[in-house]
């Protein structure tokens, strides 16, 4: 089987989806889910690659696997997923990409920092 490269189209993201042993219908659904996860308002520029494979062996319990290395702004988000079917894999990958990119975006957010230093370090006295 040959690998198929498709890019996320119609988004500001530059993400390549590489698939090996994936049928066209599953690939279209996977492409849709990756685009939905990465084309959200408030995300900085996104780039990277998603690799999807189906195991050749029939005795494998979870033959579908995916690895995504996505750069969100200056942070790198790496996501791994293994599932029994291509649709389940796409759904799991979507959930993990949304969670990972959300953490990467909000990690530098000022709301996570302390409001002011304590009084013994020069902060305001109450």
C-alpha atoms as a PDB file:
ATOM      1  CA  UNK A   1       0.000   0.000   0.000  1.00  0.00           C
ATOM      2  CA  UNK A   2       1.163   3.495  -0.673  1.00  0.00           C
ATOM      3  CA  UNK A   3       0.895   6.445   1.625  1.00  0.00           C
ATOM      4  CA  UNK A   4      -1.472   9.230   0.658  1.00  0.00           C
ATOM      5  CA  UNK A   5      -0.684  12.811   1.568  1.00  0.00           C
ATOM      6  CA  UNK A   6      -3.524  15.260   1.890  1.00  0.00           C
ATOM      7  CA  UNK A   7      -3.384  18.684   3.419  1.00  0.00           C
ATOM      8  CA  UNK A   8      -6.019  20.388   5.495  1.00  0.00           C
ATOM      9  CA  UNK A   9      -7.748  22.628   2.959  1.00  0.00           C
ATOM     10  CA  UNK A  10      -9.813  25.713   3.595  1.00  0.00           C
ATOM     11  CA  UNK A  11      -8.176  26.436   6.940  1.00  0.00           C
ATOM     12  CA  UNK A  12      -5.422  28.676   8.180  1.00  0.00           C
ATOM     13  CA  UNK A  13      -3.659  25.553   9.429  1.00  0.00           C
ATOM     14  CA  UNK A  14      -0.890  23.886   7.446  1.00  0.00           C
ATOM     15  CA  UNK A  15      -1.237  20.264   8.501  1.00  0.00           C
ATOM     16  CA  UNK A  16      -0.376  17.251   6.389  1.00  0.00           C
ATOM     17  CA  UNK A  17      -2.321  14.028   6.893  1.00  0.00           C
ATOM     18  CA  UNK A  18      -0.381  10.935   5.865  1.00  0.00           C
ATOM     19  CA  UNK A  19      -2.342   7.704   5.656  1.00  0.00           C
ATOM     20  CA  UNK A  20      -1.177   4.169   4.939  1.00  0.00           C
ATOM     21  CA  UNK A  21      -3.734   1.423   4.345  1.00  0.00           C
ATOM     22  CA  UNK A  22      -6.757   3.702   4.784  1.00  0.00           C
ATOM     23  CA  UNK A  23      -9.775   3.640   2.460  1.00  0.00           C
ATOM     24  CA  UNK A  24     -11.139   6.844   0.891  1.00  0.00           C
ATOM     25  CA  UNK A  25     -14.252   7.121   3.093  1.00  0.00           C
ATOM     26  CA  UNK A  26     -12.271   6.750   6.318  1.00  0.00           C
ATOM     27  CA  UNK A  27      -9.666   9.181   5.036  1.00  0.00           C
ATOM     28  CA  UNK A  28     -12.317  11.787   4.257  1.00  0.00           C
ATOM     29  CA  UNK A  29     -13.819  11.420   7.748  1.00  0.00           C
ATOM     30  CA  UNK A  30     -10.369  11.670   9.346  1.00  0.00           C
ATOM     31  CA  UNK A  31      -9.585  14.761   7.279  1.00  0.00           C
ATOM     32  CA  UNK A  32     -12.862  16.349   8.397  1.00  0.00           C
ATOM     33  CA  UNK A  33     -12.150  15.655  12.087  1.00  0.00           C
ATOM     34  CA  UNK A  34      -8.570  16.963  11.958  1.00  0.00           C
ATOM     35  CA  UNK A  35      -9.743  20.124  10.196  1.00  0.00           C
ATOM     36  CA  UNK A  36     -12.485  20.635  12.799  1.00  0.00           C
ATOM     37  CA  UNK A  37     -10.011  20.256  15.661  1.00  0.00           C
ATOM     38  CA  UNK A  38      -7.421  22.656  14.249  1.00  0.00           C
ATOM     39  CA  UNK A  39      -9.558  25.303  12.550  1.00  0.00           C
ATOM     40  CA  UNK A  40     -10.985  26.943  15.642  1.00  0.00           C
ATOM     41  CA  UNK A  41     -11.089  30.639  16.450  1.00  0.00           C
ATOM     42  CA  UNK A  42      -8.413  31.805  18.849  1.00  0.00           C
ATOM     43  CA  UNK A  43      -5.715  29.347  17.794  1.00  0.00           C
ATOM     44  CA  UNK A  44      -2.351  30.793  16.732  1.00  0.00           C
ATOM     45  CA  UNK A  45      -0.806  29.559  13.460  1.00  0.00           C
ATOM     46  CA  UNK A  46      -0.890  25.755  13.332  1.00  0.00           C
ATOM     47  CA  UNK A  47       1.399  23.456  11.352  1.00  0.00           C
ATOM     48  CA  UNK A  48       2.479  19.848  11.529  1.00  0.00           C
ATOM     49  CA  UNK A  49       1.719  16.314  10.451  1.00  0.00           C
ATOM     50  CA  UNK A  50      -0.747  13.548  11.304  1.00  0.00           C
ATOM     51  CA  UNK A  51       0.258   9.976  10.454  1.00  0.00           C
ATOM     52  CA  UNK A  52      -2.370   7.220  10.345  1.00  0.00           C
ATOM     53  CA  UNK A  53      -1.708   3.511   9.845  1.00  0.00           C
ATOM     54  CA  UNK A  54      -3.634   0.288   9.839  1.00  0.00           C
ATOM     55  CA  UNK A  55      -1.785  -2.787  11.063  1.00  0.00           C
ATOM     56  CA  UNK A  56      -1.387  -5.598   8.546  1.00  0.00           C
ATOM     57  CA  UNK A  57      -1.683  -8.376  11.137  1.00  0.00           C
ATOM     58  CA  UNK A  58      -5.205  -9.685  11.729  1.00  0.00           C
ATOM     59  CA  UNK A  59      -4.607 -10.685  15.342  1.00  0.00           C
ATOM     60  CA  UNK A  60      -4.022  -7.128  16.576  1.00  0.00           C
ATOM     61  CA  UNK A  61      -6.764  -5.896  18.925  1.00  0.00           C
ATOM     62  CA  UNK A  62      -6.406  -2.222  18.001  1.00  0.00           C
ATOM     63  CA  UNK A  63      -5.153  -2.156  14.398  1.00  0.00           C
ATOM     64  CA  UNK A  64      -5.662   1.567  13.772  1.00  0.00           C
ATOM     65  CA  UNK A  65      -3.045   3.963  15.109  1.00  0.00           C
ATOM     66  CA  UNK A  66      -2.344   7.661  14.696  1.00  0.00           C
ATOM     67  CA  UNK A  67       0.429  10.024  15.730  1.00  0.00           C
ATOM     68  CA  UNK A  68       0.081  13.784  15.404  1.00  0.00           C
ATOM     69  CA  UNK A  69       2.939  16.262  15.823  1.00  0.00           C
ATOM     70  CA  UNK A  70       1.365  19.698  15.690  1.00  0.00           C
ATOM     71  CA  UNK A  71       3.052  23.027  16.346  1.00  0.00           C
ATOM     72  CA  UNK A  72       0.622  25.545  17.853  1.00  0.00           C
ATOM     73  CA  UNK A  73       2.319  28.918  17.943  1.00  0.00           C
ATOM     74  CA  UNK A  74       5.633  28.110  19.643  1.00  0.00           C
ATOM     75  CA  UNK A  75       4.441  24.987  21.443  1.00  0.00           C
ATOM     76  CA  UNK A  76       4.580  21.405  20.178  1.00  0.00           C
ATOM     77  CA  UNK A  77       1.560  19.171  20.754  1.00  0.00           C
ATOM     78  CA  UNK A  78       2.076  15.421  20.291  1.00  0.00           C
ATOM     79  CA  UNK A  79      -0.947  13.139  20.259  1.00  0.00           C
ATOM     80  CA  UNK A  80      -1.088   9.332  20.070  1.00  0.00           C
ATOM     81  CA  UNK A  81      -4.219   7.243  19.564  1.00  0.00           C
ATOM     82  CA  UNK A  82      -5.033   3.566  18.934  1.00  0.00           C
ATOM     83  CA  UNK A  83      -8.505   2.229  18.184  1.00  0.00           C
ATOM     84  CA  UNK A  84     -10.375  -0.712  16.710  1.00  0.00           C
ATOM     85  CA  UNK A  85     -11.933   1.158  13.756  1.00  0.00           C
ATOM     86  CA  UNK A  86     -11.066   4.151  11.604  1.00  0.00           C
ATOM     87  CA  UNK A  87     -14.095   6.179  12.755  1.00  0.00           C
ATOM     88  CA  UNK A  88     -13.280   5.585  16.428  1.00  0.00           C
ATOM     89  CA  UNK A  89      -9.685   6.589  15.734  1.00  0.00           C
ATOM     90  CA  UNK A  90     -10.761   9.821  14.033  1.00  0.00           C
ATOM     91  CA  UNK A  91     -13.083  10.678  16.928  1.00  0.00           C
ATOM     92  CA  UNK A  92     -10.402   9.943  19.546  1.00  0.00           C
ATOM     93  CA  UNK A  93      -7.810  11.913  17.582  1.00  0.00           C
ATOM     94  CA  UNK A  94     -10.206  14.870  17.337  1.00  0.00           C
ATOM     95  CA  UNK A  95     -10.811  14.854  21.103  1.00  0.00           C
ATOM     96  CA  UNK A  96      -7.117  14.636  21.924  1.00  0.00           C
ATOM     97  CA  UNK A  97      -6.135  17.311  19.398  1.00  0.00           C
ATOM     98  CA  UNK A  98      -8.759  19.685  20.813  1.00  0.00           C
ATOM     99  CA  UNK A  99      -7.548  19.068  24.364  1.00  0.00           C
ATOM    100  CA  UNK A 100      -3.857  19.347  23.482  1.00  0.00           C
ATOM    101  CA  UNK A 101      -4.182  22.514  21.430  1.00  0.00           C
ATOM    102  CA  UNK A 102      -6.409  24.039  24.118  1.00  0.00           C
ATOM    103  CA  UNK A 103      -3.755  23.374  26.771  1.00  0.00           C
ATOM    104  CA  UNK A 104      -1.019  24.771  24.530  1.00  0.00           C
ATOM    105  CA  UNK A 105      -2.939  27.981  23.861  1.00  0.00           C
ATOM    106  CA  UNK A 106      -3.952  28.623  27.453  1.00  0.00           C
ATOM    107  CA  UNK A 107      -0.658  27.642  29.078  1.00  0.00           C
ATOM    108  CA  UNK A 108       0.764  31.144  28.678  1.00  0.00           C
ATOM    109  CA  UNK A 109      -2.518  32.787  29.567  1.00  0.00           C
ATOM    110  CA  UNK A 110      -2.278  35.427  32.277  1.00  0.00           C
ATOM    111  CA  UNK A 111      -5.303  33.985  34.081  1.00  0.00           C
ATOM    112  CA  UNK A 112      -3.170  31.093  35.322  1.00  0.00           C
ATOM    113  CA  UNK A 113      -0.682  33.336  37.090  1.00  0.00           C
ATOM    114  CA  UNK A 114      -0.971  34.690  40.601  1.00  0.00           C
ATOM    115  CA  UNK A 115      -2.877  37.954  40.769  1.00  0.00           C
ATOM    116  CA  UNK A 116      -0.311  39.734  42.954  1.00  0.00           C
ATOM    117  CA  UNK A 117       2.684  38.760  45.057  1.00  0.00           C
ATOM    118  CA  UNK A 118       2.062  38.160  48.763  1.00  0.00           C
ATOM    119  CA  UNK A 119       2.541  41.090  51.196  1.00  0.00           C
ATOM    120  CA  UNK A 120       5.910  39.820  52.477  1.00  0.00           C
ATOM    121  CA  UNK A 121       7.257  40.055  48.912  1.00  0.00           C
ATOM    122  CA  UNK A 122       6.177  43.608  48.247  1.00  0.00           C
ATOM    123  CA  UNK A 123       2.562  42.959  47.317  1.00  0.00           C
ATOM    124  CA  UNK A 124      -0.380  45.090  48.435  1.00  0.00           C
ATOM    125  CA  UNK A 125      -1.254  45.192  52.137  1.00  0.00           C
ATOM    126  CA  UNK A 126      -4.868  44.454  53.000  1.00  0.00           C
END
